[in-house]
Amino acid sequence: MMRFNLIRDATLGTISIGRYKILHELGQGAMGLVYKGKDTIIDRVVAIKTIRLGKAFQAMDEKDMLKLFYQEVRIAGILSHPNIATIYDAGESYDIHYFVMEFVDGIALKTIIQDKISLPLISKVKLLVQVASALHYAHQRGVIHRDIKPANIMLVISEHTKTRDYQAKIMDFGIAMLSSSKSAIHKADRVLGTPSYMSPEQVTGGELDRQTDVFSLGAMSYEFLTGKKPFPAADLPSLFTKIKSETPPPPHSIQKDIPLIISNCVMKALEKDKEKRLQSAGEFADEMEIYLSRAEMLDTQKIAALMDTADREFLLNLKRHYTFFADFSLEELNKIYNISSKHAYKKDEEIFKEGSIGNRMYIIMSGQVKITKTSQGNTTETLLNMLKPGDCFGEMSLMDSAPRFATATAQTQCSLVAINEVVLRNSEPKLCLKLYKNLALTLSDRLRKSDEKVNALLSKYPDATIG
């Protein structure tokens, strides 16, 4: 039985909210029910979050409840990231206020931990990099989540068909805040959150910024890696005392297979003193990424042994054909080559997928790679380019960890050099800065040429409109 005055279509026997057909109830949120539904216009499965006016918080008047409800819509609507659940729509239908979001069909990180579902350490670290990177993306746009915990991280099977890796999705921005509006947050609101993952400043009602999410990320990561909460306690007073004053044992002392670099990263995220704590979720992601890169280098050492030193002619070709390498010396290019990982791909194996987040650019050593794009609302792939040995691709990801513009697939068996932005930035910061500058100039030149084409079209067709 539906618990709202929903609209029933007598001819079809269906129940709807606005244009959304209700399929079934998914669960109960803090302020109302959440349904699985279907967008009847664009034929898309969605999740619909609703509010129960007058029932959820009897101590809060309806105006405040609606303000909190639509605050989640506005804040989450700012964000567009593959590892953050997307908001599609919001509205009111009779007495129901609702918003529509991406339907995430997966398993909560909380379930993985509670049911002790075994995942390789590498898979766990990759997931933590995804969460930390998405959180850093949100922070850069002024959004502080305030409730990072295992229950708010959903894991779905990645569309990458070869590896079947999990993809993390940050959910529930119900108590998120904008950093620009923190002065308007009442002190009582600062203690909102889930106790086991609260930062010391949340517990004490202090000023909150992005570092409160970093602490919560550390607490969640600790539990995910070790299976134990960092601050186990029998009651809230004991828990809050531990969060404020106790340092948990480092993760590697609990699980011997956890490398020191990972353990130290988590402990730096759990520092009580914000001056000593990691300053951003991006720093957390970087340290985890450095570990992944080292593990990857060991895993691909057979390939690396065959390609230990770059051929002089190969490096000269890079200088000749790519302006962003033109002013690098052969010695500098060889340094970049030596700290980069090497990969072998089988024919038809996917290298990266359109829409995924990347921090690597690739250079083809042997074989061919095809670059394809799928048009919006269409499943047909369009071939954009066929690349050969010596060609580079994915270079813009070094400038900005934005979603990939296209899909790269091995057209034949091939070997690639992968330049990791995080490794380059931490190992060779001067070379990284030089590459940033050159890539920025390349991007600027591309934009200038695009503007010239647009202006030429406008001159030819003065009545045309752009946008």
Protein backbone atom coordinates (compact mmCIF):
# COMPACT_ATOMS: atom_id res chain seq x y z
CA MET A 1 0.00 0.00 0.00
CA MET A 2 1.36 3.42 -0.97
CA ARG A 3 1.76 5.80 1.93
CA PHE A 4 1.16 8.96 -0.09
CA ASN A 5 -1.68 10.49 -1.99
CA LEU A 6 -0.12 9.28 -5.25
CA ILE A 7 -1.88 9.59 -8.60
CA ARG A 8 -3.40 6.41 -10.01
CA ASP A 9 -4.07 6.06 -13.75
CA ALA A 10 -7.33 4.08 -13.85
CA THR A 11 -6.84 3.03 -17.48
CA LEU A 12 -3.36 1.61 -16.95
CA GLY A 13 -3.64 0.59 -13.30
CA THR A 14 -0.35 2.34 -12.50
CA ILE A 15 0.70 4.68 -9.71
CA SER A 16 2.75 7.75 -10.58
CA ILE A 17 4.38 10.88 -9.20
CA GLY A 18 4.32 13.48 -11.93
CA ARG A 19 5.66 11.84 -15.10
CA TYR A 20 7.34 9.06 -13.12
CA LYS A 21 5.75 5.64 -12.87
CA ILE A 22 6.28 4.00 -9.46
CA LEU A 23 7.69 0.48 -9.76
CA HIS A 24 8.18 -0.36 -6.09
CA GLU A 25 9.40 1.00 -2.77
CA LEU A 26 13.18 0.87 -2.21
CA GLY A 27 13.31 1.99 1.39
CA GLN A 28 12.81 4.77 3.87
CA GLY A 29 15.03 7.84 4.01
CA ALA A 30 15.45 10.37 6.79
CA MET A 31 12.48 12.46 5.62
CA GLY A 32 10.40 10.16 3.45
CA LEU A 33 10.17 7.15 1.19
CA VAL A 34 12.43 6.28 -1.71
CA TYR A 35 10.94 4.54 -4.75
CA LYS A 36 12.26 2.86 -7.82
CA GLY A 37 10.50 4.43 -10.77
CA LYS A 38 10.52 4.93 -14.49
CA ASP A 39 10.67 8.18 -16.43
CA THR A 40 7.79 7.72 -18.87
CA ILE A 41 9.11 10.37 -21.28
CA ILE A 42 12.70 9.23 -21.82
CA ASP A 43 12.22 5.60 -20.71
CA ARG A 44 14.85 5.63 -17.94
CA VAL A 45 14.84 3.79 -14.61
CA VAL A 46 15.30 6.24 -11.72
CA ALA A 47 15.17 6.56 -7.95
CA ILE A 48 12.57 8.96 -6.52
CA LYS A 49 13.13 10.49 -3.09
CA THR A 50 10.05 11.96 -1.40
CA ILE A 51 9.28 13.95 1.73
CA ARG A 52 6.63 13.18 4.34
CA LEU A 53 5.44 16.57 5.52
CA GLY A 54 4.30 16.67 9.11
CA LYS A 55 5.61 13.16 9.87
CA ALA A 56 9.40 12.97 9.59
CA PHE A 57 10.48 15.57 12.12
CA GLN A 58 7.63 16.71 14.33
CA ALA A 59 9.99 19.18 16.06
CA MET A 60 10.72 20.90 12.72
CA ASP A 61 8.10 22.94 10.90
CA GLU A 62 7.24 22.16 7.29
CA LYS A 63 9.06 25.22 5.94
CA ASP A 64 12.37 24.09 7.51
CA MET A 65 11.85 20.52 6.31
CA LEU A 66 11.28 21.65 2.74
CA LYS A 67 14.31 23.94 2.95
CA LEU A 68 16.49 20.99 4.03
CA PHE A 69 14.95 18.72 1.40
CA TYR A 70 15.55 21.09 -1.51
CA GLN A 71 18.99 21.99 -0.18
CA GLU A 72 20.05 18.43 -1.06
CA VAL A 73 18.67 18.92 -4.58
CA ARG A 74 20.50 22.22 -5.09
CA ILE A 75 23.79 21.00 -3.65
CA ALA A 76 23.86 17.61 -5.40
CA GLY A 77 22.71 19.32 -8.59
CA ILE A 78 25.96 21.31 -8.66
CA LEU A 79 27.91 18.08 -9.10
CA SER A 80 28.41 15.97 -12.22
CA HIS A 81 30.91 13.16 -11.65
CA PRO A 82 30.93 9.42 -12.52
CA ASN A 83 31.44 8.56 -8.83
CA ILE A 84 28.61 10.74 -7.49
CA ALA A 85 24.94 9.80 -7.93
CA THR A 86 23.36 12.24 -10.41
CA ILE A 87 20.27 14.38 -9.70
CA TYR A 88 17.91 14.55 -12.71
CA ASP A 89 14.80 16.43 -11.65
CA ALA A 90 12.78 17.87 -8.74
CA GLY A 91 9.17 18.89 -8.35
CA GLU A 92 5.90 18.85 -6.49
CA SER A 93 2.87 16.72 -7.30
CA TYR A 94 -0.18 17.56 -5.19
CA ASP A 95 1.03 17.13 -1.57
CA ILE A 96 4.23 15.30 -2.52
CA HIS A 97 7.61 16.99 -2.85
CA TYR A 98 10.14 14.81 -4.63
CA PHE A 99 13.41 14.71 -6.49
CA VAL A 100 14.56 12.21 -9.06
CA MET A 101 18.06 10.80 -9.16
CA GLU A 102 20.17 8.14 -10.84
CA PHE A 103 19.08 4.62 -9.88
CA VAL A 104 22.17 2.88 -8.54
CA ASP A 105 21.75 -0.88 -8.68
CA GLY A 106 24.55 -2.19 -6.53
CA ILE A 107 25.69 -3.10 -3.04
CA ALA A 108 26.44 -0.71 -0.19
CA LEU A 109 29.99 -0.62 1.14
CA LYS A 110 28.40 -1.17 4.56
CA THR A 111 27.16 -4.59 3.37
CA ILE A 112 30.62 -5.49 2.03
CA ILE A 113 32.10 -4.75 5.47
CA GLN A 114 29.35 -6.32 7.59
CA ASP A 115 29.12 -9.51 5.52
CA LYS A 116 32.93 -9.72 5.32
CA ILE A 117 32.84 -10.04 1.54
CA SER A 118 36.42 -10.62 0.44
CA LEU A 119 37.97 -8.12 -1.97
CA PRO A 120 41.64 -7.98 -3.00
CA LEU A 121 43.60 -5.13 -1.40
CA ILE A 122 44.21 -3.57 -4.84
CA SER A 123 40.43 -3.46 -5.48
CA LYS A 124 39.84 -1.81 -2.10
CA VAL A 125 42.47 0.83 -2.75
CA LYS A 126 41.07 1.54 -6.23
CA LEU A 127 37.63 2.10 -4.70
CA LEU A 128 39.05 4.45 -2.07
CA VAL A 129 40.81 6.43 -4.81
CA GLN A 130 37.45 6.80 -6.60
CA VAL A 131 35.68 8.01 -3.44
CA ALA A 132 38.49 10.39 -2.47
CA SER A 133 38.74 11.83 -6.00
CA ALA A 134 34.97 12.38 -6.19
CA LEU A 135 35.02 13.99 -2.75
CA HIS A 136 37.85 16.29 -3.84
CA TYR A 137 35.79 17.21 -6.91
CA ALA A 138 32.85 18.13 -4.64
CA HIS A 139 35.10 20.15 -2.32
CA GLN A 140 36.52 22.12 -5.24
CA ARG A 141 32.95 23.17 -6.00
CA GLY A 142 32.31 24.24 -2.42
CA VAL A 143 30.31 21.17 -1.34
CA ILE A 144 31.01 19.51 2.04
CA HIS A 145 29.19 16.16 2.39
CA ARG A 146 29.30 15.86 6.23
CA ASP A 147 28.14 12.23 6.24
CA ILE A 148 30.77 10.10 4.51
CA LYS A 149 30.25 6.54 5.75
CA PRO A 150 30.01 2.99 4.32
CA ALA A 151 26.21 3.17 4.04
CA ASN A 152 26.49 6.19 1.72
CA ILE A 153 28.89 4.53 -0.73
CA MET A 154 27.28 2.25 -3.29
CA LEU A 155 29.35 -0.15 -5.37
CA VAL A 156 28.17 -1.14 -8.84
CA ILE A 157 29.78 -3.42 -11.37
CA SER A 158 31.75 -1.24 -13.75
CA GLU A 159 30.77 -1.19 -17.42
CA HIS A 160 34.37 -2.21 -18.14
CA THR A 161 33.49 -5.73 -19.30
CA LYS A 162 37.02 -7.16 -19.16
CA THR A 163 37.82 -6.60 -15.48
CA ARG A 164 34.36 -6.47 -13.86
CA ASP A 165 35.71 -3.95 -11.34
CA TYR A 166 33.42 -2.17 -8.91
CA GLN A 167 32.62 1.50 -9.42
CA ALA A 168 31.94 3.60 -6.31
CA LYS A 169 29.07 6.09 -6.10
CA ILE A 170 28.76 8.65 -3.31
CA MET A 171 25.11 8.92 -2.25
CA ASP A 172 22.91 11.05 0.01
CA PHE A 173 23.78 14.73 0.21
CA GLY A 174 20.91 15.22 2.69
CA ILE A 175 23.01 17.10 5.26
CA ALA A 176 25.64 18.47 2.88
CA MET A 177 26.50 22.15 3.06
CA LEU A 178 28.16 24.73 0.87
CA SER A 179 31.45 25.99 2.29
CA SER A 180 30.48 29.52 1.28
CA SER A 181 27.44 29.37 3.59
CA LYS A 182 29.12 27.90 6.68
CA SER A 183 28.70 31.13 8.62
CA ALA A 184 24.94 30.69 8.33
CA ILE A 185 25.00 27.16 9.77
CA HIS A 186 23.66 26.96 13.29
CA LYS A 187 25.94 25.35 15.85
CA ALA A 188 23.35 22.60 16.46
CA ASP A 189 23.46 21.69 12.77
CA ARG A 190 27.20 21.06 12.93
CA VAL A 191 26.70 17.90 14.99
CA LEU A 192 24.61 16.28 12.24
CA GLY A 193 26.20 13.12 10.87
CA THR A 194 26.84 9.50 11.80
CA PRO A 195 28.70 9.27 15.13
CA SER A 196 31.29 6.58 14.28
CA TYR A 197 32.58 8.60 11.32
CA MET A 198 32.39 12.12 12.76
CA SER A 199 35.42 14.37 12.93
CA PRO A 200 36.54 15.94 16.23
CA GLU A 201 35.22 19.30 15.02
CA GLN A 202 31.81 17.75 14.30
CA VAL A 203 31.69 16.22 17.77
CA THR A 204 32.52 19.54 19.43
CA GLY A 205 30.31 21.67 17.18
CA GLY A 206 33.26 23.50 15.66
CA GLU A 207 33.56 25.15 12.25
CA LEU A 208 33.41 22.64 9.41
CA ASP A 209 35.30 22.61 6.13
CA ARG A 210 36.53 20.01 3.64
CA GLN A 211 38.80 18.47 6.29
CA THR A 212 35.83 17.15 8.23
CA ASP A 213 35.07 14.95 5.19
CA VAL A 214 38.76 13.94 5.05
CA PHE A 215 38.53 12.66 8.64
CA SER A 216 35.31 10.75 7.87
CA LEU A 217 36.99 9.33 4.75
CA GLY A 218 39.85 8.14 6.96
CA ALA A 219 37.47 6.51 9.45
CA MET A 220 35.54 4.77 6.67
CA SER A 221 38.76 3.63 4.96
CA TYR A 222 40.10 2.27 8.25
CA GLU A 223 37.01 0.09 8.66
CA PHE A 224 36.98 -0.99 5.00
CA LEU A 225 40.63 -2.07 5.11
CA THR A 226 40.70 -3.68 8.57
CA GLY A 227 37.10 -4.73 9.19
CA LYS A 228 37.17 -2.78 12.46
CA LYS A 229 35.96 0.70 13.36
CA PRO A 230 38.78 3.07 14.40
CA PHE A 231 36.91 4.16 17.53
CA PRO A 232 34.91 1.21 18.95
CA ALA A 233 32.80 2.28 21.93
CA ALA A 234 29.85 1.06 23.97
CA ASP A 235 28.04 4.40 24.06
CA LEU A 236 28.07 7.87 22.52
CA PRO A 237 29.96 9.67 25.33
CA SER A 238 32.75 7.07 25.14
CA LEU A 239 32.80 7.26 21.34
CA PHE A 240 33.04 11.06 21.31
CA THR A 241 35.81 10.98 23.92
CA LYS A 242 37.81 8.57 21.75
CA ILE A 243 37.27 10.63 18.60
CA LYS A 244 38.50 13.75 20.42
CA SER A 245 41.46 12.27 22.29
CA GLU A 246 42.48 8.70 21.30
CA THR A 247 44.65 7.54 18.38
CA PRO A 248 43.62 4.15 16.98
CA PRO A 249 46.23 1.47 16.23
CA PRO A 250 47.50 1.85 12.64
CA PRO A 251 45.77 -0.38 10.07
CA HIS A 252 48.95 -2.36 9.25
CA SER A 253 49.14 -3.50 12.88
CA ILE A 254 45.68 -5.08 12.51
CA GLN A 255 45.99 -6.46 8.97
CA LYS A 256 49.57 -7.44 8.18
CA ASP A 257 49.03 -7.32 4.41
CA ILE A 258 48.26 -3.58 4.47
CA PRO A 259 51.33 -1.69 3.17
CA LEU A 260 52.83 1.04 5.32
CA ILE A 261 52.12 3.76 2.72
CA ILE A 262 48.38 2.93 2.86
CA SER A 263 48.35 2.67 6.65
CA ASN A 264 50.15 6.00 7.04
CA CYS A 265 47.77 7.69 4.61
CA VAL A 266 44.73 6.58 6.63
CA MET A 267 46.35 7.69 9.90
CA LYS A 268 47.15 11.13 8.45
CA ALA A 269 43.49 11.47 7.49
CA LEU A 270 42.57 10.66 11.13
CA GLU A 271 44.75 13.33 12.72
CA LYS A 272 42.86 15.31 15.41
CA ASP A 273 44.82 18.47 14.63
CA LYS A 274 43.64 19.87 11.29
CA GLU A 275 47.08 21.37 10.68
CA LYS A 276 48.57 17.85 10.74
CA ARG A 277 45.67 16.19 8.94
CA LEU A 278 45.75 15.68 5.17
CA GLN A 279 44.66 19.00 3.74
CA SER A 280 42.41 17.56 1.05
CA ALA A 281 40.74 14.40 -0.20
CA GLY A 282 42.92 14.91 -3.29
CA GLU A 283 46.05 14.32 -1.17
CA PHE A 284 44.46 11.11 0.14
CA ALA A 285 43.75 9.97 -3.44
CA ASP A 286 47.31 10.85 -4.49
CA GLU A 287 48.95 8.72 -1.81
CA MET A 288 46.71 5.78 -2.63
CA GLU A 289 47.42 6.27 -6.35
CA ILE A 290 51.19 6.21 -5.74
CA TYR A 291 50.82 2.82 -4.06
CA LEU A 292 48.72 1.54 -6.97
CA SER A 293 51.33 2.75 -9.45
CA ARG A 294 54.14 0.97 -7.60
CA ALA A 295 52.12 -2.24 -7.44
CA GLU A 296 51.32 -1.89 -11.14
CA MET A 297 55.01 -1.41 -12.00
CA LEU A 298 55.83 -4.68 -10.22
CA ASP A 299 52.92 -6.43 -11.93
CA THR A 300 54.10 -5.33 -15.38
CA GLN A 301 57.84 -5.77 -14.80
CA LYS A 302 58.11 -8.33 -17.63
CA ILE A 303 56.84 -5.73 -20.09
CA ALA A 304 59.02 -3.07 -18.47
CA ALA A 305 62.12 -5.28 -18.84
CA LEU A 306 61.58 -5.36 -22.59
CA MET A 307 61.20 -1.58 -22.71
CA ASP A 308 63.66 -0.46 -20.03
CA THR A 309 65.26 2.33 -22.00
CA ALA A 310 63.41 4.29 -24.62
CA ASP A 311 64.82 4.17 -28.14
CA ARG A 312 66.45 7.48 -29.10
CA GLU A 313 64.54 7.66 -32.39
CA PHE A 314 61.27 7.04 -30.54
CA LEU A 315 61.94 10.00 -28.21
CA LEU A 316 62.97 12.21 -31.12
CA ASN A 317 59.68 11.39 -32.86
CA LEU A 318 57.77 12.50 -29.77
CA LYS A 319 59.62 15.82 -29.84
CA ARG A 320 58.92 16.29 -33.56
CA HIS A 321 55.24 15.37 -33.58
CA TYR A 322 53.91 16.76 -30.28
CA THR A 323 54.28 20.40 -29.29
CA PHE A 324 53.86 19.53 -25.60
CA PHE A 325 57.07 17.46 -25.80
CA ALA A 326 58.96 19.75 -28.20
CA ASP A 327 61.06 21.64 -25.61
CA PHE A 328 61.89 18.57 -23.50
CA SER A 329 65.45 17.26 -23.73
CA LEU A 330 65.96 13.59 -24.55
CA GLU A 331 67.17 13.10 -20.97
CA GLU A 332 63.95 14.62 -19.57
CA LEU A 333 61.78 12.49 -21.85
CA ASN A 334 63.69 9.40 -20.81
CA LYS A 335 63.05 10.28 -17.13
CA ILE A 336 59.31 10.48 -17.81
CA TYR A 337 59.50 7.21 -19.71
CA ASN A 338 61.34 5.41 -16.90
CA ILE A 339 58.86 6.38 -14.13
CA SER A 340 55.86 5.46 -16.29
CA SER A 341 54.19 2.05 -16.28
CA LYS A 342 54.11 -0.18 -19.35
CA HIS A 343 51.07 -2.17 -20.40
CA ALA A 344 50.20 -4.87 -22.90
CA TYR A 345 46.66 -5.06 -24.31
CA LYS A 346 45.05 -7.84 -26.31
CA LYS A 347 43.08 -7.15 -29.48
CA ASP A 348 39.66 -5.57 -28.69
CA GLU A 349 40.60 -4.96 -25.04
CA GLU A 350 39.33 -1.66 -23.66
CA ILE A 351 41.99 0.79 -22.44
CA PHE A 352 39.59 3.39 -21.06
CA LYS A 353 35.91 4.10 -21.50
CA GLU A 354 34.12 7.28 -22.48
CA GLY A 355 32.85 9.06 -19.37
CA SER A 356 35.35 7.41 -17.01
CA ILE A 357 37.76 9.49 -14.93
CA GLY A 358 41.44 9.22 -15.82
CA ASN A 359 44.77 10.68 -14.74
CA ARG A 360 46.97 9.10 -17.41
CA MET A 361 48.06 9.79 -20.93
CA TYR A 362 49.28 6.99 -23.18
CA ILE A 363 52.00 6.58 -25.80
CA ILE A 364 51.76 3.66 -28.22
CA MET A 365 54.96 1.60 -28.47
CA SER A 366 53.55 -1.10 -30.75
CA GLY A 367 50.21 -2.01 -32.30
CA GLN A 368 47.17 0.14 -33.06
CA VAL A 369 44.50 1.82 -30.91
CA LYS A 370 41.10 3.02 -32.08
CA ILE A 371 39.31 6.00 -30.54
CA THR A 372 35.51 5.88 -30.68
CA LYS A 373 32.62 7.96 -29.35
CA THR A 374 28.99 7.06 -28.70
CA SER A 375 26.48 9.79 -29.56
CA GLN A 376 24.12 10.88 -26.79
CA GLY A 377 20.90 8.85 -26.89
CA ASN A 378 22.45 6.45 -29.38
CA THR A 379 24.34 3.17 -28.96
CA THR A 380 26.17 3.42 -32.31
CA GLU A 381 29.91 4.00 -32.04
CA THR A 382 31.59 6.55 -34.28
CA LEU A 383 35.25 6.01 -35.18
CA LEU A 384 37.18 9.20 -34.42
CA ASN A 385 40.74 8.09 -35.04
CA MET A 386 43.03 5.12 -35.60
CA LEU A 387 46.37 5.57 -33.80
CA LYS A 388 49.73 3.96 -34.58
CA PRO A 389 53.10 3.53 -32.79
CA GLY A 390 54.46 6.85 -31.51
CA ASP A 391 50.99 8.41 -31.17
CA CYS A 392 49.77 9.86 -27.85
CA PHE A 393 46.21 9.90 -26.54
CA GLY A 394 44.38 10.84 -23.33
CA GLU A 395 46.75 13.75 -22.69
CA MET A 396 44.06 16.19 -21.49
CA SER A 397 43.46 13.99 -18.42
CA LEU A 398 46.81 15.20 -17.08
CA MET A 399 45.41 18.74 -16.96
CA ASP A 400 42.05 17.95 -15.44
CA SER A 401 40.61 14.69 -14.08
CA ALA A 402 37.46 15.23 -16.12
CA PRO A 403 35.41 12.42 -17.70
CA ARG A 404 37.03 10.92 -20.80
CA PHE A 405 35.70 12.34 -24.06
CA ALA A 406 35.90 9.02 -25.94
CA THR A 407 36.67 5.30 -25.61
CA ALA A 408 40.11 3.85 -26.42
CA THR A 409 40.31 0.20 -27.50
CA ALA A 410 43.21 -1.95 -28.70
CA GLN A 411 42.62 -2.48 -32.42
CA THR A 412 45.46 -5.02 -32.45
CA GLN A 413 47.64 -6.49 -29.75
CA CYS A 414 49.59 -3.48 -28.50
CA SER A 415 51.99 -2.19 -25.85
CA LEU A 416 51.63 1.23 -24.25
CA VAL A 417 53.48 3.56 -21.93
CA ALA A 418 51.14 5.14 -19.36
CA ILE A 419 52.23 8.50 -17.90
CA ASN A 420 50.51 8.82 -14.52
CA GLU A 421 49.91 12.46 -13.53
CA VAL A 422 50.12 11.72 -9.79
CA VAL A 423 53.41 9.82 -10.08
CA LEU A 424 54.89 12.44 -12.40
CA ARG A 425 53.83 15.30 -10.10
CA ASN A 426 55.32 13.64 -7.02
CA SER A 427 58.47 12.18 -8.64
CA GLU A 428 59.42 14.90 -11.11
CA PRO A 429 57.48 18.08 -10.16
CA LYS A 430 59.54 20.35 -12.47
CA LEU A 431 58.92 18.10 -15.47
CA CYS A 432 55.24 17.86 -14.52
CA LEU A 433 54.93 21.65 -14.36
CA LYS A 434 56.63 21.93 -17.74
CA LEU A 435 54.24 19.40 -19.25
CA TYR A 436 51.24 21.19 -17.67
CA LYS A 437 52.35 24.46 -19.23
CA ASN A 438 52.86 22.94 -22.67
CA LEU A 439 49.53 21.11 -22.56
CA ALA A 440 47.79 24.34 -21.51
CA LEU A 441 49.29 26.11 -24.51
CA THR A 442 48.15 23.28 -26.78
CA LEU A 443 44.63 23.44 -25.34
CA SER A 444 44.60 27.24 -25.69
CA ASP A 445 45.59 26.91 -29.36
CA ARG A 446 42.81 24.39 -29.96
CA LEU A 447 40.24 26.74 -28.36
CA ARG A 448 41.51 29.68 -30.44
CA LYS A 449 41.14 27.66 -33.65
CA SER A 450 37.63 26.60 -32.60
CA ASP A 451 36.70 30.25 -31.99
CA GLU A 452 38.01 31.16 -35.44
CA LYS A 453 35.83 28.46 -37.02
CA VAL A 454 32.76 29.63 -35.10
CA ASN A 455 33.38 33.27 -36.08
CA ALA A 456 33.84 32.26 -39.71
CA LEU A 457 30.50 30.42 -39.64
CA LEU A 458 28.77 33.40 -38.01
CA SER A 459 30.19 35.69 -40.69
CA LYS A 460 28.93 33.35 -43.40
CA TYR A 461 25.53 32.85 -41.73
CA PRO A 462 24.84 36.05 -39.75
CA ASP A 463 21.30 34.97 -38.79
CA ALA A 464 22.51 31.74 -37.18
CA THR A 465 22.47 31.33 -33.39
CA ILE A 466 24.93 29.38 -31.27
CA GLY A 467 23.71 27.40 -28.25
